[in-house]
Amino acid sequence: MRKKGDLPLTTEEIERAKVYVAQGYSFRRTARELKRSDHSIKKALTAFPEVIAEVKAIKAELVDIFDDVALRMVGSITDDDIKKLNAYQRTVSGAIAVDKSRLLKGESTSNISVNVLLNVLDAIRQRRDHTSTDSLPALPENLPTD
């Protein structure tokens, strides 16, 4: 760690700090990565509106990249891939999908009751067992929490 009175952050350090913070690093963690004080990092990244805008732009670009990867990964999963999963893997994957769906709807993901999960499982079984895809039962909306 550098000492008080050392030279200000270099352009390269500021650019690296922007990327770290855009990736979700705290000012303190970014400072540790760059072997600088967290005060220097925070000051460099929050003192000027254009730097704040650059960090937001980097973050938006990263979001786009990861959204694209996620869509490609999820879109590449076939029914055969799902059938190869064991019960545990299906349960975990299903739970993650429910959480992500609820987050995207702006709903809570904590403490969903067992009864609500059983209702979801029943709806999924009905959808699976239904012969016509035209009138599939909908999954429950606005799941209550305990």
Foldseek 3Di string as FASTA:
>chain_A
DDDPPDDADDPVLLVQLLLCVLVPDQLCVSCVVVVHHSVSNCCSQPVDPVSVVSSVVSNVVVVVVVVVVVCVVVVVDDPVNVVPDDPVVNVVVVLVVVQVVCVVVVHDSPAQDPVLVVQQVVLVVQQVPDPDNPDRDDGDPPGDHD
